[in-house]
């Protein structure tokens, strides 16, 4: 087999495998607001904030003391 004919299917398979690795997560704030994210949010960074992208694609940044729970979606 030619490397070009073998390379494309392998690349597609790798991308599909990576797409399946996302972990939908629910981030609940102290005030009861819930965000559904595509993947596990970045943990608290140096400035004390959690950063994540919700399912609509909006980037959200909240203070760590406002976050009540971070759990996988059921």
PDB file of N, CA and C in Angstrom:
ATOM      1  N   UNK A   1       0.827  -1.192   0.000  1.00  0.00           N
ATOM      2  CA  UNK A   1       0.000   0.000   0.000  1.00  0.00           C
ATOM      3  C   UNK A   1       0.867   1.250   0.000  1.00  0.00           C
ATOM      4  N   UNK A   2       0.372   2.235  -0.662  1.00  0.00           N
ATOM      5  CA  UNK A   2       1.058   3.511  -0.737  1.00  0.00           C
ATOM      6  C   UNK A   2       0.864   4.259   0.582  1.00  0.00           C
ATOM      7  N   UNK A   3       1.854   5.024   1.005  1.00  0.00           N
ATOM      8  CA  UNK A   3       1.781   5.777   2.268  1.00  0.00           C
ATOM      9  C   UNK A   3       0.656   6.804   2.246  1.00  0.00           C
ATOM     10  N   UNK A   4       0.359   7.372   1.078  1.00  0.00           N
ATOM     11  CA  UNK A   4      -0.719   8.370   0.990  1.00  0.00           C
ATOM     12  C   UNK A   4      -2.083   7.722   1.197  1.00  0.00           C
ATOM     13  N   UNK A   5      -2.284   6.545   0.647  1.00  0.00           N
ATOM     14  CA  UNK A   5      -3.581   5.885   0.787  1.00  0.00           C
ATOM     15  C   UNK A   5      -3.775   5.325   2.195  1.00  0.00           C
ATOM     16  N   UNK A   6      -2.709   5.051   2.880  1.00  0.00           N
ATOM     17  CA  UNK A   6      -2.786   4.551   4.246  1.00  0.00           C
ATOM     18  C   UNK A   6      -2.860   5.701   5.257  1.00  0.00           C
ATOM     19  N   UNK A   7      -2.230   6.811   4.942  1.00  0.00           N
ATOM     20  CA  UNK A   7      -2.151   7.940   5.873  1.00  0.00           C
ATOM     21  C   UNK A   7      -3.483   8.614   6.143  1.00  0.00           C
ATOM     22  N   UNK A   8      -4.295   8.808   5.123  1.00  0.00           N
ATOM     23  CA  UNK A   8      -5.573   9.503   5.301  1.00  0.00           C
ATOM     24  C   UNK A   8      -6.522   8.737   6.227  1.00  0.00           C
ATOM     25  N   UNK A   9      -6.743   7.445   6.018  1.00  0.00           N
ATOM     26  CA  UNK A   9      -7.624   6.726   6.950  1.00  0.00           C
ATOM     27  C   UNK A   9      -7.090   6.711   8.389  1.00  0.00           C
ATOM     28  N   UNK A  10      -5.778   6.630   8.549  1.00  0.00           N
ATOM     29  CA  UNK A  10      -5.206   6.661   9.891  1.00  0.00           C
ATOM     30  C   UNK A  10      -5.422   8.015  10.553  1.00  0.00           C
ATOM     31  N   UNK A  11      -5.295   9.099   9.804  1.00  0.00           N
ATOM     32  CA  UNK A  11      -5.519  10.433  10.339  1.00  0.00           C
ATOM     33  C   UNK A  11      -6.975  10.617  10.748  1.00  0.00           C
ATOM     34  N   UNK A  12      -7.893  10.129   9.934  1.00  0.00           N
ATOM     35  CA  UNK A  12      -9.317  10.231  10.257  1.00  0.00           C
ATOM     36  C   UNK A  12      -9.623   9.424  11.514  1.00  0.00           C
ATOM     37  N   UNK A  13      -9.076   8.239  11.635  1.00  0.00           N
ATOM     38  CA  UNK A  13      -9.305   7.401  12.812  1.00  0.00           C
ATOM     39  C   UNK A  13      -8.756   8.064  14.069  1.00  0.00           C
ATOM     40  N   UNK A  14      -7.599   8.707  13.961  1.00  0.00           N
ATOM     41  CA  UNK A  14      -7.011   9.399  15.113  1.00  0.00           C
ATOM     42  C   UNK A  14      -7.878  10.570  15.554  1.00  0.00           C
ATOM     43  N   UNK A  15      -8.403  11.330  14.610  1.00  0.00           N
ATOM     44  CA  UNK A  15      -9.264  12.465  14.953  1.00  0.00           C
ATOM     45  C   UNK A  15     -10.560  11.994  15.607  1.00  0.00           C
ATOM     46  N   UNK A  16     -11.131  10.918  15.110  1.00  0.00           N
ATOM     47  CA  UNK A  16     -12.349  10.384  15.711  1.00  0.00           C
ATOM     48  C   UNK A  16     -12.091   9.871  17.124  1.00  0.00           C
ATOM     49  N   UNK A  17     -10.949   9.276  17.344  1.00  0.00           N
ATOM     50  CA  UNK A  17     -10.608   8.790  18.682  1.00  0.00           C
ATOM     51  C   UNK A  17     -10.448   9.947  19.651  1.00  0.00           C
ATOM     52  N   UNK A  18      -9.826  11.021  19.213  1.00  0.00           N
ATOM     53  CA  UNK A  18      -9.652  12.185  20.078  1.00  0.00           C
ATOM     54  C   UNK A  18     -10.981  12.872  20.365  1.00  0.00           C
ATOM     55  N   UNK A  19     -11.876  12.886  19.422  1.00  0.00           N
ATOM     56  CA  UNK A  19     -13.180  13.522  19.623  1.00  0.00           C
ATOM     57  C   UNK A  19     -13.984  12.780  20.688  1.00  0.00           C
ATOM     58  N   UNK A  20     -13.774  11.518  20.835  1.00  0.00           N
ATOM     59  CA  UNK A  20     -14.484  10.742  21.825  1.00  0.00           C
ATOM     60  C   UNK A  20     -13.943  10.907  23.228  1.00  0.00           C
ATOM     61  N   UNK A  21     -12.857  11.638  23.410  1.00  0.00           N
ATOM     62  CA  UNK A  21     -12.234  11.789  24.711  1.00  0.00           C
ATOM     63  C   UNK A  21     -12.816  12.931  25.532  1.00  0.00           C
ATOM     64  N   UNK A  22     -13.720  13.711  24.993  1.00  0.00           N
ATOM     65  CA  UNK A  22     -14.265  14.821  25.760  1.00  0.00           C
ATOM     66  C   UNK A  22     -15.157  14.299  26.876  1.00  0.00           C
ATOM     67  N   UNK A  23     -15.195  15.045  27.975  1.00  0.00           N
ATOM     68  CA  UNK A  23     -15.973  14.666  29.138  1.00  0.00           C
ATOM     69  C   UNK A  23     -16.949  15.782  29.468  1.00  0.00           C
ATOM     70  N   UNK A  24     -18.217  15.663  29.059  1.00  0.00           N
ATOM     71  CA  UNK A  24     -19.190  16.697  29.406  1.00  0.00           C
ATOM     72  C   UNK A  24     -19.257  16.872  30.927  1.00  0.00           C
ATOM     73  N   UNK A  25     -19.218  18.107  31.372  1.00  0.00           N
ATOM     74  CA  UNK A  25     -19.120  18.421  32.787  1.00  0.00           C
ATOM     75  C   UNK A  25     -20.141  19.476  33.164  1.00  0.00           C
ATOM     76  N   UNK A  26     -20.664  19.393  34.396  1.00  0.00           N
ATOM     77  CA  UNK A  26     -21.574  20.398  34.928  1.00  0.00           C
ATOM     78  C   UNK A  26     -20.823  21.182  36.005  1.00  0.00           C
ATOM     79  N   UNK A  27     -20.743  22.501  35.818  1.00  0.00           N
ATOM     80  CA  UNK A  27     -20.128  23.385  36.798  1.00  0.00           C
ATOM     81  C   UNK A  27     -21.264  24.131  37.495  1.00  0.00           C
ATOM     82  N   UNK A  28     -21.387  23.947  38.806  1.00  0.00           N
ATOM     83  CA  UNK A  28     -22.436  24.598  39.577  1.00  0.00           C
ATOM     84  C   UNK A  28     -21.820  25.676  40.446  1.00  0.00           C
ATOM     85  N   UNK A  29     -22.396  26.880  40.374  1.00  0.00           N
ATOM     86  CA  UNK A  29     -21.907  27.994  41.179  1.00  0.00           C
ATOM     87  C   UNK A  29     -22.644  28.050  42.511  1.00  0.00           C
ATOM     88  N   UNK A  30     -22.131  28.835  43.440  1.00  0.00           N
ATOM     89  CA  UNK A  30     -22.738  28.980  44.764  1.00  0.00           C
ATOM     90  C   UNK A  30     -24.169  29.505  44.681  1.00  0.00           C
ATOM     91  N   UNK A  31     -24.476  30.329  43.676  1.00  0.00           N
ATOM     92  CA  UNK A  31     -25.815  30.904  43.547  1.00  0.00           C
ATOM     93  C   UNK A  31     -26.795  29.978  42.818  1.00  0.00           C
ATOM     94  N   UNK A  32     -26.357  28.760  42.474  1.00  0.00           N
ATOM     95  CA  UNK A  32     -27.226  27.789  41.828  1.00  0.00           C
ATOM     96  C   UNK A  32     -27.133  27.755  40.313  1.00  0.00           C
ATOM     97  N   UNK A  33     -26.456  28.709  39.704  1.00  0.00           N
ATOM     98  CA  UNK A  33     -26.283  28.719  38.257  1.00  0.00           C
ATOM     99  C   UNK A  33     -25.468  27.502  37.836  1.00  0.00           C
ATOM    100  N   UNK A  34     -25.906  26.840  36.771  1.00  0.00           N
ATOM    101  CA  UNK A  34     -25.185  25.678  36.264  1.00  0.00           C
ATOM    102  C   UNK A  34     -24.745  25.923  34.829  1.00  0.00           C
ATOM    103  N   UNK A  35     -23.534  25.511  34.529  1.00  0.00           N
ATOM    104  CA  UNK A  35     -22.991  25.579  33.173  1.00  0.00           C
ATOM    105  C   UNK A  35     -22.683  24.161  32.724  1.00  0.00           C
ATOM    106  N   UNK A  36     -23.111  23.817  31.524  1.00  0.00           N
ATOM    107  CA  UNK A  36     -22.768  22.540  30.917  1.00  0.00           C
ATOM    108  C   UNK A  36     -21.614  22.802  29.971  1.00  0.00           C
ATOM    109  N   UNK A  37     -20.507  22.108  30.188  1.00  0.00           N
ATOM    110  CA  UNK A  37     -19.316  22.326  29.374  1.00  0.00           C
ATOM    111  C   UNK A  37     -19.057  21.117  28.487  1.00  0.00           C
ATOM    112  N   UNK A  38     -18.303  21.340  27.426  1.00  0.00           N
ATOM    113  CA  UNK A  38     -17.946  20.263  26.503  1.00  0.00           C
ATOM    114  C   UNK A  38     -16.903  19.340  27.123  1.00  0.00           C
ATOM    115  N   UNK A  39     -16.057  19.896  27.967  1.00  0.00           N
ATOM    116  CA  UNK A  39     -14.950  19.147  28.529  1.00  0.00           C
ATOM    117  C   UNK A  39     -14.675  19.647  29.941  1.00  0.00           C
ATOM    118  N   UNK A  40     -13.867  18.935  30.684  1.00  0.00           N
ATOM    119  CA  UNK A  40     -13.520  19.322  32.043  1.00  0.00           C
ATOM    120  C   UNK A  40     -12.855  20.696  32.020  1.00  0.00           C
ATOM    121  N   UNK A  41     -13.317  21.643  32.858  1.00  0.00           N
ATOM    122  CA  UNK A  41     -12.719  22.979  32.838  1.00  0.00           C
ATOM    123  C   UNK A  41     -11.296  22.964  33.357  1.00  0.00           C
ATOM    124  N   UNK A  42     -10.542  23.987  32.940  1.00  0.00           N
ATOM    125  CA  UNK A  42      -9.193  24.141  33.464  1.00  0.00           C
ATOM    126  C   UNK A  42      -9.315  24.395  34.958  1.00  0.00           C
ATOM    127  N   UNK A  43      -8.463  23.739  35.712  1.00  0.00           N
ATOM    128  CA  UNK A  43      -8.527  23.941  37.146  1.00  0.00           C
ATOM    129  C   UNK A  43      -8.091  25.351  37.491  1.00  0.00           C
ATOM    130  N   UNK A  44      -8.281  25.676  38.728  1.00  0.00           N
ATOM    131  CA  UNK A  44      -7.987  27.025  39.186  1.00  0.00           C
ATOM    132  C   UNK A  44      -6.571  27.431  38.761  1.00  0.00           C
ATOM    133  N   UNK A  45      -6.468  28.599  38.139  1.00  0.00           N
ATOM    134  CA  UNK A  45      -5.149  29.063  37.718  1.00  0.00           C
ATOM    135  C   UNK A  45      -4.594  30.070  38.730  1.00  0.00           C
ATOM    136  N   UNK A  46      -3.452  30.680  38.425  1.00  0.00           N
ATOM    137  CA  UNK A  46      -2.773  31.543  39.388  1.00  0.00           C
ATOM    138  C   UNK A  46      -3.619  32.703  39.875  1.00  0.00           C
ATOM    139  N   UNK A  47      -4.470  33.244  39.017  1.00  0.00           N
ATOM    140  CA  UNK A  47      -5.249  34.414  39.430  1.00  0.00           C
ATOM    141  C   UNK A  47      -6.535  34.033  40.154  1.00  0.00           C
ATOM    142  N   UNK A  48      -6.749  32.733  40.440  1.00  0.00           N
ATOM    143  CA  UNK A  48      -7.882  32.307  41.233  1.00  0.00           C
ATOM    144  C   UNK A  48      -9.183  32.156  40.468  1.00  0.00           C
ATOM    145  N   UNK A  49      -9.129  31.874  39.190  1.00  0.00           N
ATOM    146  CA  UNK A  49     -10.322  31.729  38.367  1.00  0.00           C
ATOM    147  C   UNK A  49     -10.367  30.354  37.711  1.00  0.00           C
ATOM    148  N   UNK A  50     -11.578  29.870  37.464  1.00  0.00           N
ATOM    149  CA  UNK A  50     -11.803  28.712  36.604  1.00  0.00           C
ATOM    150  C   UNK A  50     -12.155  29.252  35.225  1.00  0.00           C
ATOM    151  N   UNK A  51     -11.613  28.637  34.192  1.00  0.00           N
ATOM    152  CA  UNK A  51     -11.917  29.041  32.821  1.00  0.00           C
ATOM    153  C   UNK A  51     -12.430  27.827  32.065  1.00  0.00           C
ATOM    154  N   UNK A  52     -13.545  28.016  31.335  1.00  0.00           N
ATOM    155  CA  UNK A  52     -14.100  26.931  30.539  1.00  0.00           C
ATOM    156  C   UNK A  52     -14.965  27.504  29.441  1.00  0.00           C
ATOM    157  N   UNK A  53     -15.343  26.631  28.516  1.00  0.00           N
ATOM    158  CA  UNK A  53     -16.225  26.999  27.406  1.00  0.00           C
ATOM    159  C   UNK A  53     -17.508  26.196  27.561  1.00  0.00           C
ATOM    160  N   UNK A  54     -18.658  26.892  27.579  1.00  0.00           N
ATOM    161  CA  UNK A  54     -19.919  26.167  27.727  1.00  0.00           C
ATOM    162  C   UNK A  54     -20.329  25.550  26.390  1.00  0.00           C
ATOM    163  N   UNK A  55     -21.435  24.813  26.383  1.00  0.00           N
ATOM    164  CA  UNK A  55     -21.808  24.086  25.175  1.00  0.00           C
ATOM    165  C   UNK A  55     -22.215  24.990  24.024  1.00  0.00           C
ATOM    166  N   UNK A  56     -22.546  26.250  24.316  1.00  0.00           N
ATOM    167  CA  UNK A  56     -22.884  27.180  23.234  1.00  0.00           C
ATOM    168  C   UNK A  56     -21.637  27.822  22.628  1.00  0.00           C
ATOM    169  N   UNK A  57     -20.470  27.553  23.227  1.00  0.00           N
ATOM    170  CA  UNK A  57     -19.219  28.091  22.710  1.00  0.00           C
ATOM    171  C   UNK A  57     -18.762  29.362  23.407  1.00  0.00           C
ATOM    172  N   UNK A  58     -19.522  29.841  24.403  1.00  0.00           N
ATOM    173  CA  UNK A  58     -19.143  31.057  25.126  1.00  0.00           C
ATOM    174  C   UNK A  58     -18.052  30.730  26.143  1.00  0.00           C
ATOM    175  N   UNK A  59     -17.031  31.581  26.194  1.00  0.00           N
ATOM    176  CA  UNK A  59     -15.968  31.403  27.171  1.00  0.00           C
ATOM    177  C   UNK A  59     -16.415  32.010  28.493  1.00  0.00           C
ATOM    178  N   UNK A  60     -16.258  31.237  29.560  1.00  0.00           N
ATOM    179  CA  UNK A  60     -16.697  31.650  30.886  1.00  0.00           C
ATOM    180  C   UNK A  60     -15.498  31.637  31.825  1.00  0.00           C
ATOM    181  N   UNK A  61     -15.410  32.660  32.657  1.00  0.00           N
ATOM    182  CA  UNK A  61     -14.340  32.762  33.640  1.00  0.00           C
ATOM    183  C   UNK A  61     -14.991  33.168  34.959  1.00  0.00           C
ATOM    184  N   UNK A  62     -14.887  32.314  35.984  1.00  0.00           N
ATOM    185  CA  UNK A  62     -15.494  32.595  37.276  1.00  0.00           C
ATOM    186  C   UNK A  62     -14.462  32.438  38.384  1.00  0.00           C
ATOM    187  N   UNK A  63     -14.660  33.207  39.455  1.00  0.00           N
ATOM    188  CA  UNK A  63     -13.756  33.108  40.607  1.00  0.00           C
ATOM    189  C   UNK A  63     -13.915  31.740  41.254  1.00  0.00           C
ATOM    190  N   UNK A  64     -12.838  31.206  41.765  1.00  0.00           N
ATOM    191  CA  UNK A  64     -12.882  29.863  42.339  1.00  0.00           C
ATOM    192  C   UNK A  64     -13.779  29.793  43.565  1.00  0.00           C
ATOM    193  N   UNK A  65     -13.913  30.878  44.322  1.00  0.00           N
ATOM    194  CA  UNK A  65     -14.779  30.838  45.501  1.00  0.00           C
ATOM    195  C   UNK A  65     -16.257  30.859  45.140  1.00  0.00           C
ATOM    196  N   UNK A  66     -16.593  31.141  43.887  1.00  0.00           N
ATOM    197  CA  UNK A  66     -17.988  31.112  43.427  1.00  0.00           C
ATOM    198  C   UNK A  66     -18.414  29.720  42.955  1.00  0.00           C
ATOM    199  N   UNK A  67     -17.451  28.809  42.748  1.00  0.00           N
ATOM    200  CA  UNK A  67     -17.742  27.471  42.241  1.00  0.00           C
ATOM    201  C   UNK A  67     -18.071  26.541  43.401  1.00  0.00           C
ATOM    202  N   UNK A  68     -19.265  25.931  43.346  1.00  0.00           N
ATOM    203  CA  UNK A  68     -19.673  24.979  44.386  1.00  0.00           C
ATOM    204  C   UNK A  68     -19.190  23.566  44.037  1.00  0.00           C
ATOM    205  N   UNK A  69     -19.514  23.110  42.799  1.00  0.00           N
ATOM    206  CA  UNK A  69     -19.110  21.757  42.394  1.00  0.00           C
ATOM    207  C   UNK A  69     -18.729  21.731  40.918  1.00  0.00           C
ATOM    208  N   UNK A  70     -17.885  20.768  40.586  1.00  0.00           N
ATOM    209  CA  UNK A  70     -17.534  20.447  39.200  1.00  0.00           C
ATOM    210  C   UNK A  70     -17.649  18.927  39.108  1.00  0.00           C
ATOM    211  N   UNK A  71     -18.606  18.456  38.300  1.00  0.00           N
ATOM    212  CA  UNK A  71     -18.819  17.008  38.210  1.00  0.00           C
ATOM    213  C   UNK A  71     -19.115  16.613  36.767  1.00  0.00           C
ATOM    214  N   UNK A  72     -18.856  15.334  36.480  1.00  0.00           N
ATOM    215  CA  UNK A  72     -19.186  14.797  35.156  1.00  0.00           C
ATOM    216  C   UNK A  72     -20.693  14.778  35.000  1.00  0.00           C
ATOM    217  N   UNK A  73     -21.153  15.029  33.767  1.00  0.00           N
ATOM    218  CA  UNK A  73     -22.580  14.968  33.491  1.00  0.00           C
ATOM    219  C   UNK A  73     -23.044  13.522  33.555  1.00  0.00           C
ATOM    220  N   UNK A  74     -24.219  13.310  34.123  1.00  0.00           N
ATOM    221  CA  UNK A  74     -24.767  11.952  34.248  1.00  0.00           C
ATOM    222  C   UNK A  74     -25.242  11.409  32.928  1.00  0.00           C
TER     223      UNK A  74
END
